[in-house]
Amino acid sequence: MTDTPEAQAIPGEPPFKDGALSFGAFYPKNYLLAVFADGPTARTAAEHVHGQGFAADEVIVASGADVLAHERDVEAEKGLFAKLGEQLSKLYTDESADAKTLLRLAAQGAAFVLVYAPEDAQTTKAAESLRTFRPSVMRKYGTLAIAELT
């Protein structure tokens, strides 16, 4: 495997460092998520962020088809506890609406870049780098909240 974000653009479960789910919903804790209109733009943005000092295993590129397939897999594997947790989280957060927006963008062919940025300085650096490519959505999944960065 090469040391580029392209190497992380693989189908299946990406290697999220701090987990990808919270109460059964997509929640890649400590990752910045940026959504781009197409795959080539997302790959270029990922290469740019990689050039800013982020390691290959800290940058994930996913096509809309990958995101939709991942969602189908997660839904198929959810147990009773995860389904209950997801319903409870809908009472207190906007995660359900956010997830629907992301899935709609994925169905329209958008591509996704996720950057592992647990520290504020890393988040700022990644966000500044990705803004150059005009993402339609950019947010940071923190420990307790999602921050919109666009």
C-alpha atoms as a PDB file:
ATOM      1  CA  MET A   1       0.000   0.000   0.000  1.00  0.00           C
ATOM      2  CA  THR A   2       1.360   3.416  -0.922  1.00  0.00           C
ATOM      3  CA  ASP A   3       1.545   6.362   1.452  1.00  0.00           C
ATOM      4  CA  THR A   4      -1.147   8.473  -0.225  1.00  0.00           C
ATOM      5  CA  PRO A   5      -4.802   9.184   0.514  1.00  0.00           C
ATOM      6  CA  GLU A   6      -5.593   7.298  -2.706  1.00  0.00           C
ATOM      7  CA  ALA A   7      -4.615   4.127  -0.817  1.00  0.00           C
ATOM      8  CA  GLN A   8      -7.443   4.782   1.632  1.00  0.00           C
ATOM      9  CA  ALA A   9     -10.023   5.077  -1.176  1.00  0.00           C
ATOM     10  CA  ILE A  10     -11.125   1.488  -0.800  1.00  0.00           C
ATOM     11  CA  PRO A  11     -14.537  -0.100  -0.431  1.00  0.00           C
ATOM     12  CA  GLY A  12     -15.561  -1.675   2.848  1.00  0.00           C
ATOM     13  CA  GLU A  13     -15.067  -0.419   6.365  1.00  0.00           C
ATOM     14  CA  PRO A  14     -12.464   2.363   6.503  1.00  0.00           C
ATOM     15  CA  PRO A  15     -10.067   2.289   9.451  1.00  0.00           C
ATOM     16  CA  PHE A  16     -11.644   4.946  11.699  1.00  0.00           C
ATOM     17  CA  LYS A  17      -9.240   5.570  14.579  1.00  0.00           C
ATOM     18  CA  ASP A  18     -11.851   6.416  17.246  1.00  0.00           C
ATOM     19  CA  GLY A  19     -14.799   4.464  15.862  1.00  0.00           C
ATOM     20  CA  ALA A  20     -17.381   5.318  13.233  1.00  0.00           C
ATOM     21  CA  LEU A  21     -20.670   4.922  15.126  1.00  0.00           C
ATOM     22  CA  SER A  22     -22.399   6.414  18.128  1.00  0.00           C
ATOM     23  CA  PHE A  23     -25.717   4.908  19.216  1.00  0.00           C
ATOM     24  CA  GLY A  24     -25.957   3.191  15.853  1.00  0.00           C
ATOM     25  CA  ALA A  25     -25.549   6.403  13.827  1.00  0.00           C
ATOM     26  CA  PHE A  26     -22.546   7.442  11.717  1.00  0.00           C
ATOM     27  CA  TYR A  27     -20.308   9.482  14.001  1.00  0.00           C
ATOM     28  CA  PRO A  28     -16.593   9.395  13.117  1.00  0.00           C
ATOM     29  CA  LYS A  29     -15.325  10.982  16.337  1.00  0.00           C
ATOM     30  CA  ASN A  30     -12.351  13.336  15.892  1.00  0.00           C
ATOM     31  CA  TYR A  31     -12.724  13.446  12.105  1.00  0.00           C
ATOM     32  CA  LEU A  32     -13.328  16.421   9.887  1.00  0.00           C
ATOM     33  CA  LEU A  33     -15.745  15.532   7.069  1.00  0.00           C
ATOM     34  CA  ALA A  34     -15.808  17.430   3.786  1.00  0.00           C
ATOM     35  CA  VAL A  35     -18.233  16.668   0.956  1.00  0.00           C
ATOM     36  CA  PHE A  36     -17.338  17.468  -2.651  1.00  0.00           C
ATOM     37  CA  ALA A  37     -19.385  17.391  -5.846  1.00  0.00           C
ATOM     38  CA  ASP A  38     -17.328  14.599  -7.414  1.00  0.00           C
ATOM     39  CA  GLY A  39     -14.580  12.046  -6.915  1.00  0.00           C
ATOM     40  CA  PRO A  40     -11.766  13.842  -8.770  1.00  0.00           C
ATOM     41  CA  THR A  41     -12.225  16.985  -6.658  1.00  0.00           C
ATOM     42  CA  ALA A  42     -12.320  14.917  -3.454  1.00  0.00           C
ATOM     43  CA  ARG A  43      -9.140  13.037  -4.410  1.00  0.00           C
ATOM     44  CA  THR A  44      -7.339  16.286  -5.260  1.00  0.00           C
ATOM     45  CA  ALA A  45      -8.470  17.820  -1.944  1.00  0.00           C
ATOM     46  CA  ALA A  46      -7.284  14.713  -0.082  1.00  0.00           C
ATOM     47  CA  GLU A  47      -3.880  14.886  -1.787  1.00  0.00           C
ATOM     48  CA  HIS A  48      -3.637  18.550  -0.810  1.00  0.00           C
ATOM     49  CA  VAL A  49      -4.438  17.824   2.842  1.00  0.00           C
ATOM     50  CA  HIS A  50      -1.953  14.936   2.779  1.00  0.00           C
ATOM     51  CA  GLY A  51       0.659  17.414   1.539  1.00  0.00           C
ATOM     52  CA  GLN A  52      -0.041  19.546   4.611  1.00  0.00           C
ATOM     53  CA  GLY A  53       1.421  16.835   6.839  1.00  0.00           C
ATOM     54  CA  PHE A  54      -1.464  14.438   7.411  1.00  0.00           C
ATOM     55  CA  ALA A  55      -0.481  10.779   7.115  1.00  0.00           C
ATOM     56  CA  ALA A  56      -2.143   8.449   4.607  1.00  0.00           C
ATOM     57  CA  ASP A  57      -3.997   6.608   7.392  1.00  0.00           C
ATOM     58  CA  GLU A  58      -5.424   9.944   8.587  1.00  0.00           C
ATOM     59  CA  VAL A  59      -7.120  10.762   5.262  1.00  0.00           C
ATOM     60  CA  ILE A  60     -10.005   8.703   3.877  1.00  0.00           C
ATOM     61  CA  VAL A  61     -11.680   9.240   0.500  1.00  0.00           C
ATOM     62  CA  ALA A  62     -15.056   7.624  -0.131  1.00  0.00           C
ATOM     63  CA  SER A  63     -17.276   7.778  -3.185  1.00  0.00           C
ATOM     64  CA  GLY A  64     -21.006   8.282  -2.855  1.00  0.00           C
ATOM     65  CA  ALA A  65     -21.468   4.613  -3.783  1.00  0.00           C
ATOM     66  CA  ASP A  66     -19.080   3.607  -0.964  1.00  0.00           C
ATOM     67  CA  VAL A  67     -21.053   5.716   1.522  1.00  0.00           C
ATOM     68  CA  LEU A  68     -24.369   4.220   0.438  1.00  0.00           C
ATOM     69  CA  ALA A  69     -22.976   0.668   0.619  1.00  0.00           C
ATOM     70  CA  HIS A  70     -21.573   1.367   4.091  1.00  0.00           C
ATOM     71  CA  GLU A  71     -24.964   2.669   5.227  1.00  0.00           C
ATOM     72  CA  ARG A  72     -26.707  -0.474   3.941  1.00  0.00           C
ATOM     73  CA  ASP A  73     -24.179  -2.657   5.796  1.00  0.00           C
ATOM     74  CA  VAL A  74     -24.593  -0.706   9.041  1.00  0.00           C
ATOM     75  CA  GLU A  75     -28.400  -0.886   8.838  1.00  0.00           C
ATOM     76  CA  ALA A  76     -28.296  -4.632   8.179  1.00  0.00           C
ATOM     77  CA  GLU A  77     -26.049  -5.264  11.210  1.00  0.00           C
ATOM     78  CA  LYS A  78     -27.804  -3.039  13.760  1.00  0.00           C
ATOM     79  CA  GLY A  79     -28.919  -4.791  16.882  1.00  0.00           C
ATOM     80  CA  LEU A  80     -31.773  -3.853  19.178  1.00  0.00           C
ATOM     81  CA  PHE A  81     -29.563  -1.711  21.446  1.00  0.00           C
ATOM     82  CA  ALA A  82     -28.196   0.286  18.512  1.00  0.00           C
ATOM     83  CA  LYS A  83     -31.680   0.837  17.095  1.00  0.00           C
ATOM     84  CA  LEU A  84     -32.955   2.030  20.489  1.00  0.00           C
ATOM     85  CA  GLY A  85     -29.960   4.341  20.899  1.00  0.00           C
ATOM     86  CA  GLU A  86     -30.538   5.778  17.429  1.00  0.00           C
ATOM     87  CA  GLN A  87     -34.190   6.519  18.242  1.00  0.00           C
ATOM     88  CA  LEU A  88     -33.193   8.222  21.509  1.00  0.00           C
ATOM     89  CA  SER A  89     -30.545  10.323  19.780  1.00  0.00           C
ATOM     90  CA  LYS A  90     -33.184  11.580  17.325  1.00  0.00           C
ATOM     91  CA  LEU A  91     -35.027  13.109  20.279  1.00  0.00           C
ATOM     92  CA  TYR A  92     -32.056  15.235  21.320  1.00  0.00           C
ATOM     93  CA  THR A  93     -30.031  15.935  18.164  1.00  0.00           C
ATOM     94  CA  ASP A  94     -30.297  16.782  14.481  1.00  0.00           C
ATOM     95  CA  GLU A  95     -28.170  13.752  13.527  1.00  0.00           C
ATOM     96  CA  SER A  96     -31.025  12.077  11.667  1.00  0.00           C
ATOM     97  CA  ALA A  97     -31.553  15.068   9.367  1.00  0.00           C
ATOM     98  CA  ASP A  98     -27.783  15.417   8.896  1.00  0.00           C
ATOM     99  CA  ALA A  99     -27.459  11.753   7.975  1.00  0.00           C
ATOM    100  CA  LYS A 100     -30.285  12.048   5.441  1.00  0.00           C
ATOM    101  CA  THR A 101     -28.567  15.058   3.874  1.00  0.00           C
ATOM    102  CA  LEU A 102     -25.279  13.169   3.566  1.00  0.00           C
ATOM    103  CA  LEU A 103     -27.024  10.130   2.061  1.00  0.00           C
ATOM    104  CA  ARG A 104     -28.859  12.357  -0.429  1.00  0.00           C
ATOM    105  CA  LEU A 105     -25.547  13.913  -1.488  1.00  0.00           C
ATOM    106  CA  ALA A 106     -23.989  10.453  -1.789  1.00  0.00           C
ATOM    107  CA  ALA A 107     -26.865   9.333  -4.035  1.00  0.00           C
ATOM    108  CA  GLN A 108     -26.238  12.393  -6.217  1.00  0.00           C
ATOM    109  CA  GLY A 109     -22.609  11.325  -6.776  1.00  0.00           C
ATOM    110  CA  ALA A 110     -20.842  13.415  -4.157  1.00  0.00           C
ATOM    111  CA  ALA A 111     -17.535  12.190  -2.745  1.00  0.00           C
ATOM    112  CA  PHE A 112     -16.366  12.415   0.849  1.00  0.00           C
ATOM    113  CA  VAL A 113     -13.031  13.203   2.477  1.00  0.00           C
ATOM    114  CA  LEU A 114     -12.494  12.463   6.145  1.00  0.00           C
ATOM    115  CA  VAL A 115      -9.409  13.720   7.971  1.00  0.00           C
ATOM    116  CA  TYR A 116      -8.410  12.516  11.419  1.00  0.00           C
ATOM    117  CA  ALA A 117      -7.876  15.730  13.380  1.00  0.00           C
ATOM    118  CA  PRO A 118      -8.297  15.175  17.135  1.00  0.00           C
ATOM    119  CA  GLU A 119      -6.551  18.444  18.088  1.00  0.00           C
ATOM    120  CA  ASP A 120      -7.888  21.937  17.351  1.00  0.00           C
ATOM    121  CA  ALA A 121      -4.717  22.923  15.462  1.00  0.00           C
ATOM    122  CA  GLN A 122      -5.088  19.879  13.195  1.00  0.00           C
ATOM    123  CA  THR A 123      -8.754  20.705  12.579  1.00  0.00           C
ATOM    124  CA  THR A 124      -7.885  24.289  11.628  1.00  0.00           C
ATOM    125  CA  LYS A 125      -5.070  23.159   9.323  1.00  0.00           C
ATOM    126  CA  ALA A 126      -7.223  20.541   7.569  1.00  0.00           C
ATOM    127  CA  ALA A 127     -10.225  22.875   7.255  1.00  0.00           C
ATOM    128  CA  GLU A 128      -8.120  25.657   5.705  1.00  0.00           C
ATOM    129  CA  SER A 129      -6.631  23.184   3.253  1.00  0.00           C
ATOM    130  CA  LEU A 130      -9.983  21.673   2.247  1.00  0.00           C
ATOM    131  CA  ARG A 131     -11.793  25.041   1.944  1.00  0.00           C
ATOM    132  CA  THR A 132      -9.657  25.744  -1.130  1.00  0.00           C
ATOM    133  CA  PHE A 133     -11.709  23.089  -2.969  1.00  0.00           C
ATOM    134  CA  ARG A 134     -15.114  24.496  -1.900  1.00  0.00           C
ATOM    135  CA  PRO A 135     -16.808  21.591  -0.116  1.00  0.00           C
ATOM    136  CA  SER A 136     -20.599  21.755   0.088  1.00  0.00           C
ATOM    137  CA  VAL A 137     -20.460  20.423   3.652  1.00  0.00           C
ATOM    138  CA  MET A 138     -17.613  20.603   6.138  1.00  0.00           C
ATOM    139  CA  ARG A 139     -17.996  19.593   9.758  1.00  0.00           C
ATOM    140  CA  LYS A 140     -15.973  18.265  12.666  1.00  0.00           C
ATOM    141  CA  TYR A 141     -17.220  15.347  14.730  1.00  0.00           C
ATOM    142  CA  GLY A 142     -16.033  16.196  18.229  1.00  0.00           C
ATOM    143  CA  THR A 143     -16.340  14.215  21.417  1.00  0.00           C
ATOM    144  CA  LEU A 144     -19.779  15.592  22.278  1.00  0.00           C
ATOM    145  CA  ALA A 145     -20.917  17.682  19.328  1.00  0.00           C
ATOM    146  CA  ILE A 146     -20.731  18.252  15.591  1.00  0.00           C
ATOM    147  CA  ALA A 147     -19.353  21.649  14.563  1.00  0.00           C
ATOM    148  CA  GLU A 148     -20.189  23.090  11.133  1.00  0.00           C
ATOM    149  CA  LEU A 149     -17.050  24.537   9.535  1.00  0.00           C
ATOM    150  CA  THR A 150     -18.186  25.800   6.113  1.00  0.00           C
END
